[in-house]
Amino acid sequence: MPVKSIQRIAIVAGEASGDILGAGLISELKKKYPNAMFEGVGGPLMQEQGCASLYPMETLSVMGLVPILKKLPGLLKMRADLARYWVDTKPDLFIGIDAPEFNIGLEQKLKAQGIKTVHYVSPSVWAWRPKRIYKIKKAVDLMLCLFPFEQDIYQRHAIDNFCVGHTLADETPMQSDKDEARESLNITPMQQMVCLMPGSRASEMKLLGPDFIEMAFLLKKFYPEITFIAPMANEKREEQFRMQLAEAVEKHGSVPDIKLIDGQSRVAMAAADYIVMASGTATLEAMLIKRPTVVAYKVGALSYNIFKKLLTIDTFAIPNLLSKKDLLPELIQDDCTADNLFAEVRAWIGDHDNNRSQRWQEVEAEFTKWHQTLSKNANVYAADSIEHWWSENGIRQTEALTDG
């Protein structure tokens, strides 16, 4: 009997990175299922592709234990309302994009009612709370992973999965032109420059911003000609960073040469000689752009004391996880201080041209290898994976059953 064509897809993305993935996936799925309609929770990019967003995507953009607890009642109600709506109206397929704390629970409710579920971006079950895999198995019919090392746990637990690569690897050239990036930002070609990226969330900026600024003062004293660029995710983060900078200037009586720009983080990284950044997806971008990088992260003390007991890994930067090597230094929680950040940047700079050092040559070779591995045309690969999986697992046409 023929497999029913997908006509209606429910889809939920939790933040800007999910909106990018969702938009690319919807674009490719529309080519395979031109009559399909999409609805759920998505940002402006997904909406441009025709996805009707039933709630603002920003509602799901919550990080850290305390902020989540504050919004928990509203999030639970939203999830229950979506589950009730889709159980009643029966879409052919649900796709949850990242946001695992929200989407896995929603997927479990929908799968229990016979709705096929796909989860795009593996939860970090390989890193912490490994017993979540049992809930995932109850909730997810198909897992789309971004990285090869994520597949093992799904294969061991007999959960259908594909590694689709990463859209960032597709979009980023194998060699990022530093001079071209600097010209676009009106920056002097010969200046030695560090890109500061203390995070896109208020909590990240609050905890990392002061250390990054203090590190900039230390570097400026040691390397008087050094300059800094800091791409700001939005106006609120820029205002927050400027306030932190003003406090530091009042303390030191001088101003480090920090150029703040609106967005353009990828261009800023390409323009820099070195990067100091908050841990997260941006560490993948640093790898793809191939710049010496120092990774840092802090969360609230309460969150950290809880999370560290649940961790099964001791490294967080994506390049380190991919290679299973300490390619990039990581300064987490109490280790993340201005002095330690300064020391790690100095280690990258060294006493000679960084690009000629053996350490950097080895790191750059690993970066290039993984860039090539992850370049799979992810949007197309993800849509192809869903189509292939659906052809073997999709709901049989009720018309055919009735006619039989």
Protein backbone atom coordinates (compact mmCIF):
# COMPACT_ATOMS: atom_id res chain seq x y z
CA MET A 1 0.00 0.00 0.00
CA PRO A 2 1.27 3.50 -0.78
CA VAL A 3 2.53 5.76 1.95
CA LYS A 4 0.46 8.83 2.67
CA SER A 5 2.07 12.04 1.43
CA ILE A 6 2.85 14.57 4.13
CA GLN A 7 0.20 17.29 4.05
CA ARG A 8 0.52 18.98 7.42
CA ILE A 9 3.60 19.44 9.61
CA ALA A 10 3.64 20.78 13.15
CA ILE A 11 6.98 22.30 14.04
CA VAL A 12 8.46 24.03 17.10
CA ALA A 13 11.78 25.92 17.32
CA GLY A 14 13.04 27.49 20.52
CA GLU A 15 15.51 30.23 19.57
CA ALA A 16 17.33 31.99 16.74
CA SER A 17 19.56 29.04 15.83
CA GLY A 18 16.47 26.82 15.62
CA ASP A 19 14.74 29.40 13.46
CA ILE A 20 17.64 29.18 10.98
CA LEU A 21 17.53 25.39 10.90
CA GLY A 22 13.75 25.38 10.68
CA ALA A 23 13.64 27.82 7.79
CA GLY A 24 16.17 25.81 5.79
CA LEU A 25 14.35 22.56 6.50
CA ILE A 26 10.93 23.97 5.59
CA SER A 27 12.35 25.34 2.33
CA GLU A 28 13.58 21.88 1.31
CA LEU A 29 10.52 20.00 2.56
CA LYS A 30 8.28 22.26 0.46
CA LYS A 31 10.11 20.98 -2.63
CA LYS A 32 9.26 17.40 -1.68
CA TYR A 33 5.76 18.08 -0.36
CA PRO A 34 4.55 21.19 -2.23
CA ASN A 35 1.06 21.04 -0.74
CA ALA A 36 2.23 20.71 2.86
CA MET A 37 1.31 23.36 5.40
CA PHE A 38 3.47 24.23 8.42
CA GLU A 39 2.37 25.58 11.79
CA GLY A 40 3.70 25.76 15.34
CA VAL A 41 6.30 28.01 16.94
CA GLY A 42 8.90 29.74 14.79
CA GLY A 43 10.80 32.95 14.32
CA PRO A 44 10.84 35.40 11.41
CA LEU A 45 12.85 33.14 9.08
CA MET A 46 10.46 30.21 9.49
CA GLN A 47 7.50 32.53 9.07
CA GLU A 48 9.00 33.82 5.81
CA GLN A 49 8.95 30.22 4.60
CA GLY A 50 5.23 30.03 5.34
CA CYS A 51 5.17 28.61 8.86
CA ALA A 52 2.24 29.96 10.89
CA SER A 53 3.58 30.70 14.39
CA LEU A 54 0.96 30.11 17.08
CA TYR A 55 3.16 31.61 19.85
CA PRO A 56 6.14 34.01 19.85
CA MET A 57 9.37 32.00 19.59
CA GLU A 58 10.99 34.17 22.28
CA THR A 59 8.73 32.50 24.85
CA LEU A 60 10.96 29.42 24.68
CA SER A 61 14.33 31.23 24.77
CA VAL A 62 15.09 30.59 28.43
CA MET A 63 18.43 29.48 29.91
CA GLY A 64 19.51 28.58 33.44
CA LEU A 65 17.66 26.89 36.26
CA VAL A 66 16.21 29.95 38.00
CA PRO A 67 14.88 31.69 34.82
CA ILE A 68 13.28 28.41 33.71
CA LEU A 69 11.59 27.94 37.09
CA LYS A 70 10.17 31.47 36.90
CA LYS A 71 8.61 30.81 33.49
CA LEU A 72 7.74 27.16 34.09
CA PRO A 73 3.96 27.54 34.69
CA GLY A 74 3.52 29.47 31.45
CA LEU A 75 5.72 27.06 29.49
CA LEU A 76 3.84 24.03 30.81
CA LYS A 77 0.50 25.57 29.89
CA MET A 78 1.76 26.45 26.42
CA ARG A 79 3.01 22.88 25.87
CA ALA A 80 -0.26 21.38 27.13
CA ASP A 81 -2.28 23.67 24.84
CA LEU A 82 -0.17 22.74 21.81
CA ALA A 83 -0.41 19.03 22.63
CA ARG A 84 -4.19 19.23 23.02
CA TYR A 85 -4.55 21.16 19.76
CA TRP A 86 -2.43 18.76 17.72
CA VAL A 87 -3.90 15.62 19.28
CA ASP A 88 -7.31 16.94 18.23
CA THR A 89 -6.28 18.04 14.73
CA LYS A 90 -3.75 15.25 13.97
CA PRO A 91 -0.89 16.65 11.83
CA ASP A 92 0.98 14.04 9.77
CA LEU A 93 4.29 14.83 11.40
CA PHE A 94 5.73 16.82 14.29
CA ILE A 95 9.26 18.24 14.11
CA GLY A 96 10.85 19.59 17.28
CA ILE A 97 13.93 21.70 16.63
CA ASP A 98 16.29 21.77 19.61
CA ALA A 99 14.61 23.14 22.82
CA PRO A 100 14.65 19.59 24.26
CA GLU A 101 13.20 20.42 27.68
CA PHE A 102 10.10 21.69 25.91
CA ASN A 103 9.97 19.58 22.76
CA ILE A 104 10.75 16.09 24.10
CA GLY A 105 7.79 16.26 26.50
CA LEU A 106 5.56 17.51 23.70
CA GLU A 107 6.80 14.80 21.36
CA GLN A 108 6.08 12.13 23.95
CA LYS A 109 2.44 13.23 24.22
CA LEU A 110 2.02 13.36 20.45
CA LYS A 111 3.74 10.04 19.76
CA ALA A 112 1.52 8.35 22.33
CA GLN A 113 -1.43 9.48 20.20
CA GLY A 114 0.00 8.02 16.99
CA ILE A 115 1.56 11.19 15.56
CA LYS A 116 5.01 10.59 14.05
CA THR A 117 7.75 12.69 15.65
CA VAL A 118 11.13 13.96 14.47
CA HIS A 119 13.63 15.75 16.69
CA TYR A 120 16.22 17.93 14.93
CA VAL A 121 19.43 18.62 16.95
CA SER A 122 20.31 15.94 19.44
CA PRO A 123 19.87 16.83 23.10
CA SER A 124 23.18 16.62 24.99
CA VAL A 125 22.22 13.22 26.40
CA TRP A 126 25.78 12.08 25.70
CA ALA A 127 27.04 14.85 28.02
CA TRP A 128 24.71 14.92 30.99
CA ARG A 129 21.63 13.17 32.38
CA PRO A 130 22.22 10.07 30.19
CA LYS A 131 19.06 8.37 31.48
CA ARG A 132 17.08 10.86 29.38
CA ILE A 133 17.64 8.45 26.50
CA TYR A 134 14.76 6.31 27.80
CA LYS A 135 12.37 9.25 27.65
CA ILE A 136 13.69 10.19 24.21
CA LYS A 137 13.00 6.66 22.99
CA LYS A 138 9.38 7.01 24.10
CA ALA A 139 9.09 10.43 22.48
CA VAL A 140 11.10 10.42 19.23
CA ASP A 141 10.62 8.32 16.10
CA LEU A 142 13.53 9.88 14.22
CA MET A 143 16.54 11.84 15.56
CA LEU A 144 18.45 14.18 13.22
CA CYS A 145 21.95 14.71 14.67
CA LEU A 146 24.36 17.47 13.72
CA PHE A 147 27.57 15.70 14.73
CA PRO A 148 28.83 12.13 14.15
CA PHE A 149 29.72 11.46 17.80
CA GLU A 150 26.05 11.92 18.76
CA GLN A 151 24.80 8.91 16.81
CA ASP A 152 26.29 6.16 18.94
CA ILE A 153 23.83 6.45 21.83
CA TYR A 154 20.82 6.39 19.49
CA GLN A 155 22.10 3.36 17.63
CA ARG A 156 22.68 1.54 20.93
CA HIS A 157 19.08 2.23 21.93
CA ALA A 158 17.60 1.40 18.51
CA ILE A 159 16.34 4.91 17.75
CA ASP A 160 16.29 5.78 14.04
CA ASN A 161 18.80 8.53 13.34
CA PHE A 162 20.78 10.34 10.66
CA CYS A 163 23.77 12.69 10.96
CA VAL A 164 22.91 15.57 8.64
CA GLY A 165 25.93 17.82 9.22
CA HIS A 166 25.65 21.49 10.05
CA THR A 167 24.40 24.43 8.01
CA LEU A 168 27.23 26.58 9.36
CA ALA A 169 29.77 24.23 7.78
CA ASP A 170 27.93 24.58 4.47
CA GLU A 171 27.84 28.38 4.64
CA THR A 172 31.38 29.07 5.84
CA PRO A 173 34.20 29.10 3.27
CA MET A 174 37.09 26.75 3.92
CA GLN A 175 39.37 29.79 4.21
CA SER A 176 37.92 32.96 5.78
CA ASP A 177 39.60 36.07 4.36
CA LYS A 178 40.80 38.24 7.24
CA ASP A 179 41.66 41.27 5.10
CA GLU A 180 38.28 41.18 3.36
CA ALA A 181 36.48 40.96 6.70
CA ARG A 182 38.48 43.88 8.09
CA GLU A 183 37.79 45.99 5.04
CA SER A 184 34.05 45.42 5.40
CA LEU A 185 34.28 46.58 9.04
CA ASN A 186 36.62 49.50 8.26
CA ILE A 187 39.46 48.09 10.38
CA THR A 188 43.17 48.66 9.74
CA PRO A 189 44.65 45.51 8.13
CA MET A 190 47.84 45.39 10.22
CA GLN A 191 46.31 45.76 13.70
CA GLN A 192 46.51 42.76 16.01
CA MET A 193 42.95 42.17 17.16
CA VAL A 194 40.97 40.01 19.59
CA CYS A 195 37.26 39.32 19.09
CA LEU A 196 35.28 39.38 22.36
CA MET A 197 32.03 37.38 22.43
CA PRO A 198 30.63 37.23 25.98
CA GLY A 199 27.29 35.72 24.91
CA SER A 200 23.93 36.61 23.43
CA ARG A 201 21.88 36.10 26.60
CA ALA A 202 21.60 38.57 29.48
CA SER A 203 22.76 35.95 32.00
CA GLU A 204 25.86 35.16 29.94
CA MET A 205 26.76 38.81 29.52
CA LYS A 206 26.23 39.46 33.22
CA LEU A 207 28.67 36.76 34.28
CA LEU A 208 31.24 36.89 31.45
CA GLY A 209 31.28 40.52 30.34
CA PRO A 210 33.29 41.92 33.31
CA ASP A 211 35.96 39.20 33.00
CA PHE A 212 36.30 39.78 29.27
CA ILE A 213 36.69 43.52 29.79
CA GLU A 214 39.26 43.08 32.58
CA MET A 215 41.17 40.71 30.32
CA ALA A 216 41.17 43.39 27.62
CA PHE A 217 42.80 45.84 30.04
CA LEU A 218 45.47 43.27 30.91
CA LEU A 219 46.22 42.51 27.27
CA LYS A 220 46.38 46.21 26.44
CA LYS A 221 49.03 46.73 29.12
CA PHE A 222 51.11 43.84 27.80
CA TYR A 223 50.51 44.52 24.07
CA PRO A 224 49.91 48.28 23.72
CA GLU A 225 49.07 48.03 20.00
CA ILE A 226 46.40 45.35 20.43
CA THR A 227 42.76 46.19 19.64
CA PHE A 228 39.42 44.51 20.27
CA ILE A 229 36.14 44.01 18.47
CA ALA A 230 32.92 42.94 20.20
CA PRO A 231 29.87 41.97 18.09
CA MET A 232 26.67 42.55 20.05
CA ALA A 233 23.70 40.22 19.49
CA ASN A 234 21.14 43.00 19.98
CA GLU A 235 20.60 46.46 21.47
CA LYS A 236 19.96 45.12 24.98
CA ARG A 237 23.25 43.22 25.05
CA GLU A 238 25.08 46.28 23.73
CA GLU A 239 23.58 48.48 26.44
CA GLN A 240 24.50 45.88 29.06
CA PHE A 241 28.08 45.63 27.80
CA ARG A 242 28.49 49.42 27.61
CA MET A 243 27.44 49.70 31.24
CA GLN A 244 30.01 47.07 32.23
CA LEU A 245 32.65 48.88 30.17
CA ALA A 246 31.83 52.20 31.81
CA GLU A 247 32.30 50.65 35.27
CA ALA A 248 35.68 49.25 34.23
CA VAL A 249 36.80 52.56 32.74
CA GLU A 250 35.86 54.33 35.97
CA LYS A 251 37.96 51.80 37.86
CA HIS A 252 41.01 51.94 35.58
CA GLY A 253 40.84 55.54 34.37
CA SER A 254 41.46 54.50 30.77
CA VAL A 255 39.60 52.97 27.84
CA PRO A 256 40.68 49.77 26.05
CA ASP A 257 40.28 49.99 22.29
CA ILE A 258 37.06 47.95 21.94
CA LYS A 259 35.02 48.44 18.76
CA LEU A 260 31.40 47.47 19.33
CA ILE A 261 29.43 46.43 16.27
CA ASP A 262 25.82 45.46 15.68
CA GLY A 263 25.68 41.72 15.03
CA GLN A 264 28.00 40.48 12.25
CA SER A 265 29.64 38.02 14.64
CA ARG A 266 30.90 35.80 11.84
CA VAL A 267 32.56 38.73 10.07
CA ALA A 268 34.04 39.93 13.36
CA MET A 269 35.54 36.50 14.05
CA ALA A 270 36.97 36.35 10.54
CA ALA A 271 38.49 39.81 11.01
CA ALA A 272 40.18 38.87 14.30
CA ASP A 273 43.50 37.20 15.01
CA TYR A 274 42.18 35.60 18.20
CA ILE A 275 38.76 34.96 19.72
CA VAL A 276 37.56 34.85 23.33
CA MET A 277 34.01 33.56 23.51
CA ALA A 278 31.22 32.08 25.56
CA SER A 279 30.85 28.32 25.10
CA GLY A 280 28.09 27.31 22.73
CA THR A 281 27.39 26.97 19.01
CA ALA A 282 29.74 29.90 18.39
CA THR A 283 32.68 27.59 19.17
CA LEU A 284 31.73 25.68 16.02
CA GLU A 285 31.85 28.94 14.05
CA ALA A 286 35.30 29.70 15.48
CA MET A 287 36.44 26.27 14.28
CA LEU A 288 34.99 26.81 10.81
CA ILE A 289 36.54 30.29 10.55
CA LYS A 290 39.77 28.78 11.90
CA ARG A 291 40.98 31.27 14.48
CA PRO A 292 42.84 30.55 17.75
CA THR A 293 40.13 30.65 20.41
CA VAL A 294 39.69 30.66 24.17
CA VAL A 295 36.35 29.29 25.41
CA ALA A 296 34.76 30.46 28.65
CA TYR A 297 31.53 29.88 30.51
CA LYS A 298 29.80 30.64 33.79
CA VAL A 299 26.32 30.05 35.14
CA GLY A 300 24.76 30.95 38.47
CA ALA A 301 26.23 29.14 41.46
CA LEU A 302 23.00 27.23 42.17
CA SER A 303 22.66 26.05 38.56
CA TYR A 304 26.31 25.02 38.41
CA ASN A 305 26.21 23.02 41.63
CA ILE A 306 23.22 21.10 40.31
CA PHE A 307 24.41 20.64 36.72
CA LYS A 308 27.96 19.53 37.54
CA LYS A 309 26.58 16.50 39.38
CA LEU A 310 24.73 15.45 36.25
CA LEU A 311 27.61 15.84 33.77
CA THR A 312 29.30 12.85 32.16
CA ILE A 313 31.89 14.88 30.20
CA ASP A 314 34.62 17.30 31.17
CA THR A 315 34.85 19.29 27.93
CA PHE A 316 32.23 21.52 26.30
CA ALA A 317 33.65 23.26 23.22
CA ILE A 318 32.34 21.63 20.05
CA PRO A 319 35.81 21.35 18.39
CA ASN A 320 37.11 19.49 21.45
CA LEU A 321 34.10 17.16 21.48
CA LEU A 322 34.43 16.40 17.77
CA SER A 323 38.16 15.72 17.83
CA LYS A 324 38.32 14.20 21.33
CA LYS A 325 41.37 16.42 21.81
CA ASP A 326 42.04 19.60 23.79
CA LEU A 327 42.22 21.81 20.72
CA LEU A 328 40.87 24.89 22.49
CA PRO A 329 41.44 25.92 26.12
CA GLU A 330 38.24 25.97 28.18
CA LEU A 331 37.78 28.07 31.30
CA ILE A 332 34.60 27.04 33.09
CA GLN A 333 33.01 28.60 36.19
CA ASP A 334 35.67 29.38 38.86
CA ASP A 335 38.49 28.91 36.33
CA CYS A 336 37.01 31.69 34.23
CA THR A 337 38.87 34.75 35.52
CA ALA A 338 40.40 37.74 33.76
CA ASP A 339 43.88 36.52 34.70
CA ASN A 340 43.29 33.05 33.26
CA LEU A 341 41.72 34.44 30.09
CA PHE A 342 44.73 36.75 29.69
CA ALA A 343 47.15 33.84 30.16
CA GLU A 344 45.41 31.69 27.54
CA VAL A 345 45.35 34.48 24.94
CA ARG A 346 49.04 35.15 25.62
CA ALA A 347 49.73 31.46 25.09
CA TRP A 348 48.06 31.66 21.68
CA ILE A 349 49.97 34.79 20.74
CA GLY A 350 53.30 33.31 21.85
CA ASP A 351 56.64 34.86 20.97
CA HIS A 352 56.29 34.53 17.21
CA ASP A 353 53.70 34.48 14.43
CA ASN A 354 50.94 32.22 15.71
CA ASN A 355 50.21 30.81 12.26
CA ARG A 356 53.70 29.34 12.07
CA SER A 357 53.64 27.60 15.43
CA GLN A 358 53.39 23.82 15.48
CA ARG A 359 50.49 23.96 17.93
CA TRP A 360 48.42 26.13 15.63
CA GLN A 361 49.25 24.07 12.53
CA GLU A 362 47.97 20.94 14.28
CA VAL A 363 44.83 22.68 15.48
CA GLU A 364 44.14 24.21 12.08
CA ALA A 365 44.52 20.81 10.39
CA GLU A 366 41.89 19.36 12.76
CA PHE A 367 39.61 22.31 12.13
CA THR A 368 39.87 21.77 8.37
CA LYS A 369 39.19 18.03 8.65
CA TRP A 370 36.02 18.58 10.66
CA HIS A 371 34.89 21.43 8.43
CA GLN A 372 35.01 19.03 5.48
CA THR A 373 33.26 16.27 7.45
CA LEU A 374 30.36 18.49 8.53
CA SER A 375 29.79 20.02 5.08
CA LYS A 376 26.89 17.86 3.89
CA ASN A 377 24.39 20.43 2.59
CA ALA A 378 22.50 20.00 5.87
CA ASN A 379 19.16 21.48 4.82
CA VAL A 380 18.88 19.09 1.89
CA TYR A 381 20.28 16.15 3.87
CA ALA A 382 17.77 16.71 6.69
CA ALA A 383 14.84 16.88 4.29
CA ASP A 384 16.10 13.82 2.38
CA SER A 385 16.45 11.93 5.67
CA ILE A 386 12.87 12.73 6.64
CA GLU A 387 11.60 11.75 3.19
CA HIS A 388 13.52 8.45 3.24
CA TRP A 389 12.41 7.65 6.77
CA TRP A 390 8.79 8.59 6.04
CA SER A 391 8.73 6.33 2.98
CA GLU A 392 9.45 3.39 5.28
CA ASN A 393 7.61 4.49 8.41
CA GLY A 394 4.87 6.91 7.37
CA ILE A 395 1.20 6.36 8.08
CA ARG A 396 -0.51 4.22 5.42
CA GLN A 397 -3.21 5.91 3.41
CA THR A 398 -6.60 5.47 5.01
CA GLU A 399 -8.16 5.61 1.54
CA ALA A 400 -6.18 2.58 0.45
CA LEU A 401 -7.14 0.72 3.61
CA THR A 402 -10.79 1.53 3.07
CA ASP A 403 -10.70 0.51 -0.59
CA GLY A 404 -9.06 -2.80 0.39
